[in-house]
Amino acid sequence: MQTVSFSDFQNNPDILTHICDILNDDGIVCVPTSSGYKLMANFASQRAVMSMIQAKRRVKSAPALVLVPDRSHVDNIADSVSDEAARLMNELWPGPVTLLFAAGEQLQPKIRSVLTKAKGWLGIRVPDTGIAQTIVSAFCHPVLVSSANLSQKGGAGSLAQVKKNFGRAIALLVENGDIVSTRPSTLIDVTRDIPKIVRAGAVSEEAIHNALAV
């Protein structure tokens, strides 16, 4: 496992290029975010997706968050996009709002099966800030993201625990010390006729209702 500091990442563009190369080669990277360390893998690669799931020991409850560079990628992932979902994307993306979609039939069957069998949906978000946004924008493709903790265990904010749990699985780790998690993204189920907030988060219920009213 290669390690670099967050400061080096910010000041050396070659590190970002190297991270994109790792993702293209089906490797896993781990980066610090406001809600803890996150594992990132190429969503389009069955090999990369399975490597992440095996690393997390979450075969029965696979990670199901996909970060995309912009909303144009949603049609290639989601089964369908309702008018209400389109309004939310238009008004609240980029931003800390994760929309829960049924996975599209166009996805690789193995990826679709393993990522949706636990929850039945995929969460999709266009990030607006931070290292994850920088990487996804530079990579230009959807990225599967999951907290750097083992199944049903904490520790995603502890640098030492992340190294212990994932040192053998991660190709590159961007270090930024221990992280105290901030408020997570708001989760909205858009698989139903009327979108439903399933987890309160950084974006208020009022802002969501206003977006739907546009």
N, C-alpha and C. Protein backbone atom coordinates (compact mmCIF):
# COMPACT_ATOMS: atom_id res chain seq x y z
N MET A 1 0.84 -1.20 0.00
CA MET A 1 0.00 0.00 0.00
C MET A 1 0.87 1.25 0.00
N GLN A 2 0.64 2.11 -0.96
CA GLN A 2 1.34 3.38 -1.01
C GLN A 2 0.56 4.41 -0.20
N THR A 3 1.24 5.27 0.53
CA THR A 3 0.57 6.33 1.28
C THR A 3 1.13 7.69 0.88
N VAL A 4 0.23 8.68 0.83
CA VAL A 4 0.62 10.07 0.58
C VAL A 4 -0.18 10.93 1.55
N SER A 5 0.34 12.09 1.87
CA SER A 5 -0.39 12.99 2.76
C SER A 5 -1.43 13.78 1.98
N PHE A 6 -2.44 14.24 2.68
CA PHE A 6 -3.46 15.08 2.04
C PHE A 6 -2.83 16.36 1.50
N SER A 7 -1.86 16.89 2.21
CA SER A 7 -1.16 18.09 1.75
C SER A 7 -0.45 17.83 0.43
N ASP A 8 0.20 16.68 0.32
CA ASP A 8 0.87 16.34 -0.94
C ASP A 8 -0.14 16.18 -2.07
N PHE A 9 -1.28 15.57 -1.76
CA PHE A 9 -2.33 15.43 -2.78
C PHE A 9 -2.76 16.81 -3.30
N GLN A 10 -2.93 17.76 -2.39
CA GLN A 10 -3.37 19.08 -2.78
C GLN A 10 -2.34 19.82 -3.62
N ASN A 11 -1.07 19.55 -3.38
CA ASN A 11 -0.01 20.33 -4.01
C ASN A 11 0.70 19.66 -5.17
N ASN A 12 0.38 18.39 -5.40
CA ASN A 12 1.06 17.65 -6.46
C ASN A 12 0.04 17.04 -7.41
N PRO A 13 -0.19 17.65 -8.57
CA PRO A 13 -1.19 17.13 -9.52
C PRO A 13 -0.88 15.72 -10.00
N ASP A 14 0.37 15.31 -9.92
CA ASP A 14 0.72 13.97 -10.38
C ASP A 14 0.05 12.89 -9.53
N ILE A 15 -0.23 13.20 -8.28
CA ILE A 15 -0.88 12.22 -7.40
C ILE A 15 -2.30 11.95 -7.88
N LEU A 16 -3.01 13.00 -8.27
CA LEU A 16 -4.37 12.82 -8.80
C LEU A 16 -4.34 11.97 -10.07
N THR A 17 -3.38 12.22 -10.93
CA THR A 17 -3.24 11.42 -12.14
C THR A 17 -2.97 9.96 -11.79
N HIS A 18 -2.12 9.74 -10.79
CA HIS A 18 -1.80 8.38 -10.35
C HIS A 18 -3.03 7.68 -9.79
N ILE A 19 -3.85 8.39 -9.03
CA ILE A 19 -5.09 7.82 -8.49
C ILE A 19 -6.01 7.38 -9.63
N CYS A 20 -6.15 8.23 -10.64
CA CYS A 20 -7.00 7.87 -11.79
C CYS A 20 -6.46 6.63 -12.51
N ASP A 21 -5.13 6.53 -12.60
CA ASP A 21 -4.53 5.35 -13.21
C ASP A 21 -4.83 4.10 -12.40
N ILE A 22 -4.79 4.21 -11.08
CA ILE A 22 -5.12 3.07 -10.22
C ILE A 22 -6.55 2.63 -10.44
N LEU A 23 -7.47 3.58 -10.47
CA LEU A 23 -8.88 3.25 -10.71
C LEU A 23 -9.07 2.59 -12.08
N ASN A 24 -8.38 3.10 -13.08
CA ASN A 24 -8.47 2.50 -14.41
C ASN A 24 -7.92 1.09 -14.44
N ASP A 25 -6.97 0.79 -13.56
CA ASP A 25 -6.36 -0.53 -13.50
C ASP A 25 -7.06 -1.44 -12.49
N ASP A 26 -8.28 -1.04 -12.07
CA ASP A 26 -9.13 -1.85 -11.18
C ASP A 26 -8.64 -1.90 -9.74
N GLY A 27 -7.78 -0.95 -9.36
CA GLY A 27 -7.31 -0.89 -7.99
C GLY A 27 -8.25 -0.10 -7.10
N ILE A 28 -8.03 -0.19 -5.79
CA ILE A 28 -8.83 0.51 -4.79
C ILE A 28 -7.98 1.61 -4.15
N VAL A 29 -8.55 2.80 -4.03
CA VAL A 29 -7.89 3.88 -3.32
C VAL A 29 -8.74 4.23 -2.10
N CYS A 30 -8.12 4.83 -1.11
CA CYS A 30 -8.82 5.24 0.11
C CYS A 30 -8.48 6.69 0.39
N VAL A 31 -9.51 7.51 0.61
CA VAL A 31 -9.29 8.95 0.76
C VAL A 31 -10.07 9.49 1.95
N PRO A 32 -9.61 10.59 2.54
CA PRO A 32 -10.32 11.20 3.66
C PRO A 32 -11.46 12.09 3.18
N THR A 33 -12.60 11.98 3.82
CA THR A 33 -13.73 12.85 3.52
C THR A 33 -14.29 13.38 4.84
N SER A 34 -15.27 14.25 4.75
CA SER A 34 -15.84 14.83 5.96
C SER A 34 -16.58 13.81 6.81
N SER A 35 -16.91 12.66 6.25
CA SER A 35 -17.62 11.63 7.01
C SER A 35 -16.76 10.39 7.24
N GLY A 36 -15.45 10.56 7.17
CA GLY A 36 -14.54 9.44 7.41
C GLY A 36 -13.79 9.04 6.15
N TYR A 37 -12.93 8.04 6.29
CA TYR A 37 -12.20 7.54 5.13
C TYR A 37 -13.13 6.71 4.24
N LYS A 38 -12.94 6.87 2.93
CA LYS A 38 -13.79 6.17 1.97
C LYS A 38 -12.95 5.36 0.99
N LEU A 39 -13.42 4.17 0.69
CA LEU A 39 -12.83 3.35 -0.36
C LEU A 39 -13.47 3.74 -1.69
N MET A 40 -12.67 3.75 -2.75
CA MET A 40 -13.17 4.12 -4.06
C MET A 40 -12.68 3.11 -5.09
N ALA A 41 -13.58 2.70 -5.99
CA ALA A 41 -13.23 1.74 -7.03
C ALA A 41 -14.00 2.07 -8.31
N ASN A 42 -13.49 1.63 -9.42
CA ASN A 42 -14.13 1.86 -10.72
C ASN A 42 -15.45 1.10 -10.79
N PHE A 43 -16.55 1.84 -10.85
CA PHE A 43 -17.88 1.22 -10.84
C PHE A 43 -18.11 0.35 -12.07
N ALA A 44 -17.46 0.67 -13.18
CA ALA A 44 -17.68 -0.07 -14.43
C ALA A 44 -16.94 -1.39 -14.48
N SER A 45 -16.05 -1.62 -13.52
CA SER A 45 -15.22 -2.82 -13.54
C SER A 45 -15.74 -3.86 -12.56
N GLN A 46 -16.14 -5.01 -13.07
CA GLN A 46 -16.61 -6.09 -12.20
C GLN A 46 -15.50 -6.53 -11.25
N ARG A 47 -14.28 -6.57 -11.75
CA ARG A 47 -13.15 -6.98 -10.92
C ARG A 47 -12.96 -6.02 -9.75
N ALA A 48 -13.02 -4.71 -10.03
CA ALA A 48 -12.82 -3.71 -8.98
C ALA A 48 -13.95 -3.76 -7.96
N VAL A 49 -15.18 -3.89 -8.43
CA VAL A 49 -16.33 -3.95 -7.54
C VAL A 49 -16.22 -5.16 -6.61
N MET A 50 -15.90 -6.31 -7.15
CA MET A 50 -15.79 -7.51 -6.33
C MET A 50 -14.62 -7.41 -5.35
N SER A 51 -13.55 -6.76 -5.77
CA SER A 51 -12.40 -6.58 -4.87
C SER A 51 -12.79 -5.74 -3.65
N MET A 52 -13.58 -4.69 -3.89
CA MET A 52 -14.02 -3.86 -2.77
C MET A 52 -14.93 -4.64 -1.83
N ILE A 53 -15.86 -5.37 -2.39
CA ILE A 53 -16.80 -6.13 -1.56
C ILE A 53 -16.07 -7.17 -0.73
N GLN A 54 -15.11 -7.84 -1.34
CA GLN A 54 -14.34 -8.85 -0.61
C GLN A 54 -13.49 -8.20 0.49
N ALA A 55 -12.94 -7.02 0.20
CA ALA A 55 -12.12 -6.32 1.19
C ALA A 55 -12.95 -5.93 2.41
N LYS A 56 -14.20 -5.54 2.17
CA LYS A 56 -15.08 -5.11 3.25
C LYS A 56 -15.79 -6.29 3.93
N ARG A 57 -15.68 -7.48 3.32
CA ARG A 57 -16.37 -8.67 3.87
C ARG A 57 -17.87 -8.42 3.96
N ARG A 58 -18.40 -7.86 2.85
CA ARG A 58 -19.82 -7.49 2.85
C ARG A 58 -20.56 -8.12 1.68
N VAL A 59 -20.35 -9.39 1.48
CA VAL A 59 -21.02 -10.07 0.37
C VAL A 59 -22.54 -10.01 0.51
N LYS A 60 -23.05 -10.08 1.76
CA LYS A 60 -24.50 -10.08 1.97
C LYS A 60 -25.09 -8.68 1.99
N SER A 61 -24.26 -7.66 2.16
CA SER A 61 -24.77 -6.28 2.22
C SER A 61 -23.74 -5.37 1.57
N ALA A 62 -23.69 -5.44 0.25
CA ALA A 62 -22.65 -4.77 -0.50
C ALA A 62 -22.82 -3.25 -0.49
N PRO A 63 -21.71 -2.51 -0.64
CA PRO A 63 -21.82 -1.05 -0.75
C PRO A 63 -22.62 -0.69 -1.98
N ALA A 64 -23.36 0.40 -1.90
CA ALA A 64 -24.25 0.74 -3.02
C ALA A 64 -24.33 2.24 -3.27
N LEU A 65 -23.22 2.95 -3.02
CA LEU A 65 -23.16 4.38 -3.33
C LEU A 65 -22.26 4.60 -4.53
N VAL A 66 -22.79 5.32 -5.51
CA VAL A 66 -22.03 5.63 -6.71
C VAL A 66 -21.92 7.15 -6.85
N LEU A 67 -20.70 7.64 -6.93
CA LEU A 67 -20.48 9.07 -7.19
C LEU A 67 -20.23 9.24 -8.68
N VAL A 68 -20.89 10.23 -9.27
CA VAL A 68 -20.77 10.48 -10.71
C VAL A 68 -20.29 11.90 -10.95
N PRO A 69 -19.59 12.14 -12.07
CA PRO A 69 -19.09 13.49 -12.35
C PRO A 69 -20.21 14.50 -12.60
N ASP A 70 -21.31 14.05 -13.21
CA ASP A 70 -22.45 14.93 -13.49
C ASP A 70 -23.67 14.06 -13.76
N ARG A 71 -24.81 14.69 -13.86
CA ARG A 71 -26.06 13.93 -13.94
C ARG A 71 -26.23 13.16 -15.25
N SER A 72 -25.43 13.47 -16.27
CA SER A 72 -25.56 12.76 -17.54
C SER A 72 -25.27 11.26 -17.39
N HIS A 73 -24.55 10.88 -16.34
CA HIS A 73 -24.21 9.47 -16.12
C HIS A 73 -25.35 8.68 -15.49
N VAL A 74 -26.35 9.36 -14.96
CA VAL A 74 -27.42 8.66 -14.23
C VAL A 74 -28.19 7.72 -15.14
N ASP A 75 -28.44 8.14 -16.38
CA ASP A 75 -29.22 7.31 -17.30
C ASP A 75 -28.54 5.98 -17.59
N ASN A 76 -27.22 5.92 -17.41
CA ASN A 76 -26.49 4.68 -17.67
C ASN A 76 -26.43 3.77 -16.44
N ILE A 77 -26.99 4.25 -15.32
CA ILE A 77 -26.95 3.48 -14.08
C ILE A 77 -28.36 3.15 -13.58
N ALA A 78 -29.23 4.14 -13.60
CA ALA A 78 -30.58 3.98 -13.04
C ALA A 78 -31.53 3.33 -14.03
N ASP A 79 -32.52 2.64 -13.48
CA ASP A 79 -33.54 2.00 -14.32
C ASP A 79 -34.39 3.05 -15.03
N SER A 80 -34.76 4.11 -14.32
CA SER A 80 -35.54 5.19 -14.90
C SER A 80 -35.37 6.43 -14.02
N VAL A 81 -35.63 7.58 -14.63
CA VAL A 81 -35.52 8.85 -13.91
C VAL A 81 -36.86 9.57 -14.01
N SER A 82 -37.55 9.69 -12.90
CA SER A 82 -38.85 10.35 -12.89
C SER A 82 -38.69 11.86 -13.00
N ASP A 83 -39.80 12.55 -13.27
CA ASP A 83 -39.77 14.00 -13.33
C ASP A 83 -39.33 14.59 -11.99
N GLU A 84 -39.77 13.97 -10.89
CA GLU A 84 -39.41 14.45 -9.56
C GLU A 84 -37.91 14.28 -9.31
N ALA A 85 -37.37 13.14 -9.73
CA ALA A 85 -35.93 12.92 -9.57
C ALA A 85 -35.14 13.93 -10.40
N ALA A 86 -35.63 14.23 -11.58
CA ALA A 86 -34.95 15.21 -12.44
C ALA A 86 -34.94 16.59 -11.79
N ARG A 87 -36.04 16.96 -11.14
CA ARG A 87 -36.08 18.25 -10.44
C ARG A 87 -35.06 18.30 -9.32
N LEU A 88 -34.99 17.23 -8.56
CA LEU A 88 -34.03 17.19 -7.45
C LEU A 88 -32.59 17.28 -7.96
N MET A 89 -32.30 16.60 -9.04
CA MET A 89 -30.96 16.67 -9.62
C MET A 89 -30.65 18.07 -10.11
N ASN A 90 -31.63 18.66 -10.78
CA ASN A 90 -31.41 20.01 -11.33
C ASN A 90 -31.16 21.04 -10.24
N GLU A 91 -31.89 20.91 -9.13
CA GLU A 91 -31.84 21.94 -8.09
C GLU A 91 -30.80 21.67 -7.01
N LEU A 92 -30.49 20.41 -6.74
CA LEU A 92 -29.67 20.09 -5.56
C LEU A 92 -28.32 19.45 -5.87
N TRP A 93 -28.06 19.15 -7.11
CA TRP A 93 -26.76 18.62 -7.51
C TRP A 93 -25.96 19.68 -8.25
N PRO A 94 -24.64 19.73 -8.09
CA PRO A 94 -23.86 18.97 -7.12
C PRO A 94 -24.21 19.35 -5.69
N GLY A 95 -24.13 18.41 -4.78
CA GLY A 95 -24.44 18.69 -3.39
C GLY A 95 -24.62 17.42 -2.59
N PRO A 96 -24.79 17.55 -1.26
CA PRO A 96 -24.88 16.40 -0.36
C PRO A 96 -26.26 15.77 -0.32
N VAL A 97 -26.76 15.39 -1.48
CA VAL A 97 -28.05 14.70 -1.60
C VAL A 97 -27.82 13.42 -2.41
N THR A 98 -28.12 12.29 -1.80
CA THR A 98 -28.00 11.00 -2.48
C THR A 98 -29.39 10.52 -2.86
N LEU A 99 -29.58 10.26 -4.14
CA LEU A 99 -30.87 9.78 -4.63
C LEU A 99 -30.81 8.27 -4.82
N LEU A 100 -31.82 7.59 -4.33
CA LEU A 100 -31.89 6.13 -4.38
C LEU A 100 -32.72 5.71 -5.58
N PHE A 101 -32.05 5.07 -6.55
CA PHE A 101 -32.69 4.62 -7.78
C PHE A 101 -32.69 3.10 -7.85
N ALA A 102 -33.66 2.54 -8.58
CA ALA A 102 -33.57 1.14 -8.98
C ALA A 102 -32.46 1.04 -10.01
N ALA A 103 -31.66 -0.02 -9.91
CA ALA A 103 -30.53 -0.18 -10.83
C ALA A 103 -31.03 -0.55 -12.23
N GLY A 104 -30.37 0.00 -13.25
CA GLY A 104 -30.77 -0.24 -14.62
C GLY A 104 -30.35 -1.60 -15.13
N GLU A 105 -31.12 -2.14 -16.06
CA GLU A 105 -30.83 -3.43 -16.67
C GLU A 105 -29.57 -3.38 -17.52
N GLN A 106 -29.12 -2.15 -17.89
CA GLN A 106 -27.95 -2.01 -18.74
C GLN A 106 -26.64 -2.25 -18.01
N LEU A 107 -26.68 -2.32 -16.68
CA LEU A 107 -25.47 -2.59 -15.92
C LEU A 107 -25.03 -4.04 -16.13
N GLN A 108 -23.73 -4.29 -15.94
CA GLN A 108 -23.25 -5.66 -16.01
C GLN A 108 -24.04 -6.51 -15.01
N PRO A 109 -24.56 -7.65 -15.44
CA PRO A 109 -25.42 -8.46 -14.56
C PRO A 109 -24.81 -8.77 -13.20
N LYS A 110 -23.53 -9.12 -13.17
CA LYS A 110 -22.89 -9.46 -11.90
C LYS A 110 -22.85 -8.26 -10.98
N ILE A 111 -22.49 -7.08 -11.52
CA ILE A 111 -22.44 -5.86 -10.72
C ILE A 111 -23.83 -5.50 -10.22
N ARG A 112 -24.80 -5.55 -11.10
CA ARG A 112 -26.18 -5.21 -10.72
C ARG A 112 -26.67 -6.14 -9.61
N SER A 113 -26.40 -7.43 -9.74
CA SER A 113 -26.89 -8.40 -8.77
C SER A 113 -26.26 -8.20 -7.40
N VAL A 114 -24.95 -8.08 -7.36
CA VAL A 114 -24.27 -8.04 -6.07
C VAL A 114 -24.49 -6.73 -5.33
N LEU A 115 -24.66 -5.62 -6.07
CA LEU A 115 -24.81 -4.33 -5.42
C LEU A 115 -26.24 -4.01 -5.00
N THR A 116 -27.20 -4.74 -5.54
CA THR A 116 -28.60 -4.42 -5.22
C THR A 116 -29.33 -5.52 -4.46
N LYS A 117 -28.70 -6.67 -4.26
CA LYS A 117 -29.45 -7.77 -3.65
C LYS A 117 -29.80 -7.49 -2.19
N ALA A 118 -29.02 -6.65 -1.52
CA ALA A 118 -29.29 -6.36 -0.11
C ALA A 118 -30.36 -5.30 0.05
N LYS A 119 -30.24 -4.20 -0.70
CA LYS A 119 -31.13 -3.06 -0.51
C LYS A 119 -32.12 -2.87 -1.66
N GLY A 120 -31.79 -3.37 -2.84
CA GLY A 120 -32.69 -3.23 -3.98
C GLY A 120 -32.51 -1.93 -4.73
N TRP A 121 -31.57 -1.09 -4.32
CA TRP A 121 -31.37 0.19 -4.99
C TRP A 121 -29.89 0.56 -5.02
N LEU A 122 -29.60 1.58 -5.82
CA LEU A 122 -28.27 2.19 -5.83
C LEU A 122 -28.43 3.66 -5.45
N GLY A 123 -27.57 4.13 -4.57
CA GLY A 123 -27.54 5.55 -4.25
C GLY A 123 -26.60 6.26 -5.20
N ILE A 124 -27.03 7.37 -5.76
CA ILE A 124 -26.21 8.11 -6.72
C ILE A 124 -26.12 9.56 -6.26
N ARG A 125 -24.91 10.13 -6.37
CA ARG A 125 -24.72 11.53 -5.98
C ARG A 125 -23.64 12.18 -6.83
N VAL A 126 -23.81 13.47 -7.10
CA VAL A 126 -22.76 14.29 -7.69
C VAL A 126 -22.17 15.12 -6.55
N PRO A 127 -20.95 14.81 -6.11
CA PRO A 127 -20.37 15.56 -4.99
C PRO A 127 -20.01 16.98 -5.40
N ASP A 128 -20.05 17.88 -4.43
CA ASP A 128 -19.78 19.29 -4.74
C ASP A 128 -18.48 19.80 -4.16
N THR A 129 -17.91 19.12 -3.18
CA THR A 129 -16.69 19.59 -2.55
C THR A 129 -15.80 18.41 -2.18
N GLY A 130 -14.58 18.71 -1.81
CA GLY A 130 -13.70 17.73 -1.21
C GLY A 130 -12.93 16.88 -2.20
N ILE A 131 -12.13 15.99 -1.64
CA ILE A 131 -11.25 15.15 -2.44
C ILE A 131 -12.02 14.18 -3.33
N ALA A 132 -13.17 13.70 -2.85
CA ALA A 132 -13.97 12.78 -3.67
C ALA A 132 -14.44 13.47 -4.93
N GLN A 133 -14.88 14.72 -4.81
CA GLN A 133 -15.31 15.47 -5.98
C GLN A 133 -14.16 15.67 -6.96
N THR A 134 -12.99 15.98 -6.43
CA THR A 134 -11.82 16.19 -7.27
C THR A 134 -11.48 14.92 -8.06
N ILE A 135 -11.51 13.78 -7.37
CA ILE A 135 -11.16 12.53 -8.03
C ILE A 135 -12.20 12.12 -9.06
N VAL A 136 -13.47 12.20 -8.71
CA VAL A 136 -14.52 11.79 -9.64
C VAL A 136 -14.52 12.68 -10.88
N SER A 137 -14.32 13.96 -10.69
CA SER A 137 -14.27 14.88 -11.82
C SER A 137 -13.09 14.57 -12.75
N ALA A 138 -11.94 14.25 -12.15
CA ALA A 138 -10.76 13.95 -12.95
C ALA A 138 -10.87 12.59 -13.63
N PHE A 139 -11.48 11.62 -12.94
CA PHE A 139 -11.62 10.27 -13.49
C PHE A 139 -12.64 10.24 -14.62
N CYS A 140 -13.65 11.10 -14.52
CA CYS A 140 -14.67 11.26 -15.58
C CYS A 140 -15.59 10.06 -15.75
N HIS A 141 -15.63 9.19 -14.75
CA HIS A 141 -16.50 8.02 -14.80
C HIS A 141 -17.08 7.76 -13.41
N PRO A 142 -18.19 7.03 -13.33
CA PRO A 142 -18.76 6.70 -12.01
C PRO A 142 -17.79 5.90 -11.15
N VAL A 143 -17.84 6.17 -9.84
CA VAL A 143 -16.97 5.52 -8.88
C VAL A 143 -17.81 4.92 -7.76
N LEU A 144 -17.59 3.65 -7.46
CA LEU A 144 -18.24 3.01 -6.32
C LEU A 144 -17.52 3.44 -5.05
N VAL A 145 -18.29 3.86 -4.05
CA VAL A 145 -17.71 4.40 -2.82
C VAL A 145 -18.31 3.70 -1.62
N SER A 146 -17.48 3.44 -0.62
CA SER A 146 -17.97 2.83 0.61
C SER A 146 -17.09 3.25 1.78
N SER A 147 -17.67 3.36 2.95
CA SER A 147 -16.90 3.71 4.15
C SER A 147 -15.82 2.67 4.40
N ALA A 148 -14.67 3.13 4.86
CA ALA A 148 -13.53 2.25 5.09
C ALA A 148 -13.65 1.58 6.45
N ASN A 149 -14.67 0.75 6.57
CA ASN A 149 -14.85 -0.06 7.77
C ASN A 149 -15.34 -1.44 7.35
N LEU A 150 -15.10 -2.42 8.19
CA LEU A 150 -15.55 -3.77 7.88
C LEU A 150 -17.05 -3.89 8.18
N SER A 151 -17.65 -4.95 7.70
CA SER A 151 -19.08 -5.14 7.86
C SER A 151 -19.51 -5.04 9.32
N GLN A 152 -20.48 -4.16 9.59
CA GLN A 152 -21.09 -3.99 10.91
C GLN A 152 -20.09 -3.54 11.97
N LYS A 153 -19.01 -2.89 11.54
CA LYS A 153 -18.02 -2.37 12.48
C LYS A 153 -17.72 -0.91 12.15
N GLY A 154 -17.28 -0.15 13.17
CA GLY A 154 -16.89 1.23 12.96
C GLY A 154 -15.43 1.33 12.57
N GLY A 155 -14.87 2.51 12.77
CA GLY A 155 -13.45 2.68 12.54
C GLY A 155 -13.08 3.44 11.30
N ALA A 156 -14.07 3.91 10.52
CA ALA A 156 -13.76 4.61 9.27
C ALA A 156 -13.11 5.97 9.51
N GLY A 157 -13.18 6.48 10.74
CA GLY A 157 -12.54 7.75 11.04
C GLY A 157 -11.15 7.61 11.60
N SER A 158 -10.74 6.39 11.90
CA SER A 158 -9.44 6.13 12.51
C SER A 158 -8.42 5.71 11.45
N LEU A 159 -7.39 6.52 11.28
CA LEU A 159 -6.36 6.21 10.28
C LEU A 159 -5.69 4.88 10.59
N ALA A 160 -5.38 4.63 11.86
CA ALA A 160 -4.72 3.39 12.23
C ALA A 160 -5.61 2.18 11.94
N GLN A 161 -6.91 2.30 12.22
CA GLN A 161 -7.83 1.19 11.98
C GLN A 161 -8.00 0.93 10.49
N VAL A 162 -8.06 2.01 9.70
CA VAL A 162 -8.17 1.85 8.25
C VAL A 162 -6.96 1.11 7.70
N LYS A 163 -5.76 1.48 8.17
CA LYS A 163 -4.55 0.79 7.72
C LYS A 163 -4.57 -0.68 8.12
N LYS A 164 -5.00 -0.95 9.34
CA LYS A 164 -5.06 -2.33 9.82
C LYS A 164 -6.03 -3.18 9.02
N ASN A 165 -7.21 -2.62 8.73
CA ASN A 165 -8.26 -3.39 8.07
C ASN A 165 -8.06 -3.53 6.56
N PHE A 166 -7.47 -2.51 5.93
CA PHE A 166 -7.45 -2.48 4.47
C PHE A 166 -6.06 -2.32 3.86
N GLY A 167 -5.02 -2.43 4.68
CA GLY A 167 -3.67 -2.22 4.17
C GLY A 167 -3.32 -3.10 2.98
N ARG A 168 -3.83 -4.33 2.97
CA ARG A 168 -3.51 -5.25 1.89
C ARG A 168 -4.40 -5.05 0.66
N ALA A 169 -5.54 -4.41 0.84
CA ALA A 169 -6.48 -4.26 -0.27
C ALA A 169 -6.33 -2.93 -1.01
N ILE A 170 -5.79 -1.92 -0.33
CA ILE A 170 -5.71 -0.59 -0.89
C ILE A 170 -4.41 -0.42 -1.68
N ALA A 171 -4.53 0.14 -2.88
CA ALA A 171 -3.33 0.45 -3.66
C ALA A 171 -2.70 1.75 -3.19
N LEU A 172 -3.55 2.72 -2.81
CA LEU A 172 -3.04 4.02 -2.36
C LEU A 172 -3.97 4.60 -1.30
N LEU A 173 -3.38 5.13 -0.24
CA LEU A 173 -4.13 5.76 0.85
C LEU A 173 -3.67 7.21 0.98
N VAL A 174 -4.63 8.13 0.95
CA VAL A 174 -4.35 9.53 1.21
C VAL A 174 -4.61 9.78 2.69
N GLU A 175 -3.57 10.11 3.44
CA GLU A 175 -3.68 10.25 4.89
C GLU A 175 -4.02 11.69 5.29
N ASN A 176 -4.93 11.80 6.25
CA ASN A 176 -5.23 13.11 6.82
C ASN A 176 -5.58 12.99 8.31
N GLY A 177 -4.86 12.11 9.00
CA GLY A 177 -5.10 11.92 10.42
C GLY A 177 -6.45 11.30 10.72
N ASP A 178 -6.86 11.32 11.97
CA ASP A 178 -8.18 10.83 12.35
C ASP A 178 -9.24 11.85 11.99
N ILE A 179 -10.44 11.37 11.68
CA ILE A 179 -11.52 12.23 11.18
C ILE A 179 -12.73 12.12 12.09
N VAL A 180 -13.26 13.27 12.50
CA VAL A 180 -14.53 13.33 13.21
C VAL A 180 -15.62 13.58 12.18
N SER A 181 -16.53 12.63 12.05
CA SER A 181 -17.54 12.69 11.00
C SER A 181 -18.50 13.85 11.19
N THR A 182 -18.84 14.50 10.08
CA THR A 182 -19.85 15.54 10.08
C THR A 182 -21.17 14.96 9.57
N ARG A 183 -22.16 15.81 9.42
CA ARG A 183 -23.48 15.34 9.01
C ARG A 183 -23.43 14.71 7.62
N PRO A 184 -24.04 13.55 7.43
CA PRO A 184 -23.98 12.86 6.14
C PRO A 184 -24.92 13.49 5.12
N SER A 185 -24.88 12.96 3.92
CA SER A 185 -25.79 13.44 2.87
C SER A 185 -27.22 13.03 3.21
N THR A 186 -28.16 13.75 2.66
CA THR A 186 -29.57 13.41 2.79
C THR A 186 -29.90 12.32 1.77
N LEU A 187 -30.60 11.28 2.21
CA LEU A 187 -31.00 10.18 1.32
C LEU A 187 -32.46 10.35 0.93
N ILE A 188 -32.72 10.28 -0.36
CA ILE A 188 -34.09 10.41 -0.86
C ILE A 188 -34.41 9.25 -1.79
N ASP A 189 -35.46 8.53 -1.48
CA ASP A 189 -35.92 7.41 -2.31
C ASP A 189 -36.75 7.99 -3.47
N VAL A 190 -36.23 7.84 -4.68
CA VAL A 190 -36.96 8.34 -5.86
C VAL A 190 -37.47 7.18 -6.70
N THR A 191 -37.59 5.99 -6.10
CA THR A 191 -38.13 4.85 -6.82
C THR A 191 -39.66 4.82 -6.75
N ARG A 192 -40.22 5.68 -5.93
CA ARG A 192 -41.68 5.73 -5.73
C ARG A 192 -42.25 6.96 -6.41
N ASP A 193 -43.60 7.02 -6.51
CA ASP A 193 -44.26 8.14 -7.18
C ASP A 193 -43.97 9.46 -6.48
N ILE A 194 -43.98 9.44 -5.15
CA ILE A 194 -43.66 10.63 -4.37
C ILE A 194 -42.33 10.39 -3.65
N PRO A 195 -41.29 11.15 -3.97
CA PRO A 195 -39.99 10.94 -3.31
C PRO A 195 -40.12 11.00 -1.79
N LYS A 196 -39.35 10.16 -1.12
CA LYS A 196 -39.42 10.09 0.34
C LYS A 196 -38.02 10.23 0.93
N ILE A 197 -37.89 11.10 1.93
CA ILE A 197 -36.62 11.23 2.64
C ILE A 197 -36.48 10.02 3.57
N VAL A 198 -35.41 9.26 3.39
CA VAL A 198 -35.20 8.08 4.22
C VAL A 198 -34.08 8.29 5.23
N ARG A 199 -33.31 9.35 5.06
CA ARG A 199 -32.33 9.74 6.08
C ARG A 199 -32.11 11.24 6.04
N ALA A 200 -32.39 11.90 7.15
CA ALA A 200 -32.12 13.33 7.22
C ALA A 200 -30.62 13.56 7.15
N GLY A 201 -30.24 14.69 6.56
CA GLY A 201 -28.82 14.96 6.41
C GLY A 201 -28.53 16.42 6.19
N ALA A 202 -27.50 16.67 5.39
CA ALA A 202 -26.98 18.02 5.22
C ALA A 202 -27.94 18.97 4.53
N VAL A 203 -28.84 18.44 3.71
CA VAL A 203 -29.82 19.28 3.01
C VAL A 203 -31.16 19.15 3.70
N SER A 204 -31.78 20.27 4.01
CA SER A 204 -33.00 20.29 4.81
C SER A 204 -34.21 19.78 4.04
N GLU A 205 -35.22 19.36 4.80
CA GLU A 205 -36.49 18.93 4.20
C GLU A 205 -37.12 20.08 3.43
N GLU A 206 -36.98 21.30 3.95
CA GLU A 206 -37.55 22.47 3.26
C GLU A 206 -36.91 22.67 1.90
N ALA A 207 -35.60 22.52 1.84
CA ALA A 207 -34.90 22.70 0.55
C ALA A 207 -35.34 21.65 -0.46
N ILE A 208 -35.61 20.45 0.02
CA ILE A 208 -36.06 19.38 -0.86
C ILE A 208 -37.46 19.67 -1.39
N HIS A 209 -38.35 20.11 -0.50
CA HIS A 209 -39.71 20.45 -0.95
C HIS A 209 -39.69 21.60 -1.93
N ASN A 210 -38.82 22.58 -1.70
CA ASN A 210 -38.70 23.71 -2.63
C ASN A 210 -38.21 23.26 -4.00
N ALA A 211 -37.27 22.32 -4.01
CA ALA A 211 -36.75 21.81 -5.27
C ALA A 211 -37.83 21.07 -6.06
N LEU A 212 -38.66 20.32 -5.34
CA LEU A 212 -39.72 19.57 -6.01
C LEU A 212 -40.82 20.49 -6.53
N ALA A 213 -40.92 21.66 -5.97
CA ALA A 213 -41.97 22.60 -6.36
C ALA A 213 -41.60 23.42 -7.59
N VAL A 214 -40.34 23.33 -8.01
CA VAL A 214 -39.90 24.14 -9.15
C VAL A 214 -40.57 23.66 -10.43
